[in-house]
Amino acid sequence: MPRSAWRSCRPRSRRPRAACRWSRASLQPRSRTLAQAKAYQKLGADGILAILEAYFSLADAQVESYFRAIADAVDIPVVIYTNPQFQRSDLTLDVIARLAEHPRIG
């Protein structure tokens, strides 16, 4: 887990700020992303900002599986995020509707 990401939220204090307590999980090998999300939860994050950093095309099932795996791995809220302007995959309305049924995805 990159310590700099957590440190950047609390430059002068060991106590996390409420606004910075959302950690970022990105599309790395899935096991590393899940471990990172769990570690940030253990550090006291209030939620996970899950970012789909896909620079190659993904099927809807793969996109859904990625976000669902993160939400299943933690007990805190998960916000899903993509930036279709810079990626080849995006969230379709069908995927968003299915993910919205998960109790921790917002």
Protein backbone atom coordinates (compact mmCIF):
# COMPACT_ATOMS: atom_id res chain seq x y z
CA MET A 1 0.00 0.00 0.00
CA PRO A 2 1.47 3.38 -0.91
CA ARG A 3 2.06 5.26 2.30
CA SER A 4 2.27 8.57 0.44
CA ALA A 5 -1.45 8.39 -0.45
CA TRP A 6 -2.42 8.23 3.23
CA ARG A 7 0.23 10.70 4.33
CA SER A 8 -0.95 13.30 1.81
CA CYS A 9 -4.28 13.51 3.64
CA ARG A 10 -2.64 14.36 6.94
CA PRO A 11 0.48 16.43 6.23
CA ARG A 12 0.99 17.82 9.75
CA SER A 13 -0.96 15.52 11.98
CA ARG A 14 -1.17 11.82 12.72
CA ARG A 15 -4.95 12.11 13.05
CA PRO A 16 -6.82 11.69 9.77
CA ARG A 17 -9.06 14.52 8.66
CA ALA A 18 -12.66 13.58 8.05
CA ALA A 19 -12.58 14.83 4.45
CA CYS A 20 -9.44 12.86 3.67
CA ARG A 21 -10.43 9.58 5.21
CA TRP A 22 -11.67 8.13 1.93
CA SER A 23 -9.01 5.98 0.41
CA ARG A 24 -8.41 5.27 -3.25
CA ALA A 25 -8.33 1.81 -4.75
CA SER A 26 -7.42 1.39 -8.38
CA LEU A 27 -7.29 -1.34 -10.98
CA GLN A 28 -4.06 -3.12 -10.11
CA PRO A 29 -3.92 -6.85 -9.80
CA ARG A 30 -7.22 -7.56 -8.01
CA SER A 31 -5.55 -9.15 -4.98
CA ARG A 32 -3.47 -6.00 -4.44
CA THR A 33 -6.50 -3.72 -4.81
CA LEU A 34 -8.50 -5.74 -2.29
CA ALA A 35 -5.59 -5.82 0.16
CA GLN A 36 -5.20 -2.05 -0.21
CA ALA A 37 -8.92 -1.45 0.44
CA LYS A 38 -8.83 -3.66 3.54
CA ALA A 39 -5.70 -1.93 4.82
CA TYR A 40 -7.26 1.53 4.45
CA GLN A 41 -10.36 0.33 6.28
CA LYS A 42 -8.12 -0.90 9.10
CA LEU A 43 -6.42 2.53 9.19
CA GLY A 44 -9.81 4.13 9.84
CA ALA A 45 -11.00 5.21 6.39
CA ASP A 46 -14.67 6.12 6.29
CA GLY A 47 -15.02 4.72 2.78
CA ILE A 48 -13.29 3.62 -0.40
CA LEU A 49 -13.18 5.59 -3.64
CA ALA A 50 -12.85 2.76 -6.15
CA ILE A 51 -11.39 3.99 -9.42
CA LEU A 52 -11.64 2.05 -12.64
CA GLU A 53 -8.28 2.72 -14.29
CA ALA A 54 -8.80 0.60 -17.36
CA TYR A 55 -6.68 1.61 -20.32
CA PHE A 56 -7.94 -1.40 -22.23
CA SER A 57 -11.46 -2.47 -23.07
CA LEU A 58 -13.41 -4.38 -20.40
CA ALA A 59 -16.72 -6.18 -20.71
CA ASP A 60 -19.60 -5.05 -18.48
CA ALA A 61 -19.25 -8.24 -16.44
CA GLN A 62 -15.59 -7.44 -15.72
CA VAL A 63 -16.37 -3.86 -14.67
CA GLU A 64 -19.16 -5.03 -12.38
CA SER A 65 -17.03 -7.82 -10.93
CA TYR A 66 -14.22 -5.39 -10.11
CA PHE A 67 -16.38 -2.96 -8.13
CA ARG A 68 -18.40 -5.74 -6.48
CA ALA A 69 -15.21 -7.49 -5.29
CA ILE A 70 -14.04 -4.31 -3.56
CA ALA A 71 -17.43 -3.78 -1.88
CA ASP A 72 -17.49 -7.41 -0.73
CA ALA A 73 -13.99 -7.12 0.75
CA VAL A 74 -14.71 -4.22 3.13
CA ASP A 75 -17.35 -3.19 5.64
CA ILE A 76 -17.33 0.53 4.75
CA PRO A 77 -19.06 2.38 1.89
CA VAL A 78 -17.58 2.19 -1.61
CA VAL A 79 -18.00 4.98 -4.15
CA ILE A 80 -17.46 3.90 -7.74
CA TYR A 81 -15.69 6.20 -10.18
CA THR A 82 -14.67 6.17 -13.80
CA ASN A 83 -13.43 8.83 -16.18
CA PRO A 84 -14.55 7.73 -19.65
CA GLN A 85 -12.68 10.57 -21.32
CA PHE A 86 -9.38 8.86 -20.49
CA GLN A 87 -10.42 5.21 -20.42
CA ARG A 88 -11.73 2.63 -22.81
CA SER A 89 -14.28 1.23 -20.38
CA ASP A 90 -17.12 2.93 -18.60
CA LEU A 91 -20.12 2.13 -16.46
CA THR A 92 -23.24 1.37 -18.42
CA LEU A 93 -26.66 2.10 -16.95
CA ASP A 94 -27.28 -1.63 -16.53
CA VAL A 95 -24.06 -2.09 -14.55
CA ILE A 96 -24.83 0.96 -12.40
CA ALA A 97 -28.31 -0.41 -11.64
CA ARG A 98 -26.93 -3.80 -10.61
CA LEU A 99 -24.15 -2.28 -8.51
CA ALA A 100 -26.64 0.05 -6.79
CA GLU A 101 -28.26 -3.04 -5.28
CA HIS A 102 -25.11 -3.74 -3.25
CA PRO A 103 -25.53 -2.40 0.31
CA ARG A 104 -22.08 -0.77 0.44
CA ILE A 105 -21.90 0.76 -3.06
CA GLY A 106 -22.96 4.37 -3.42
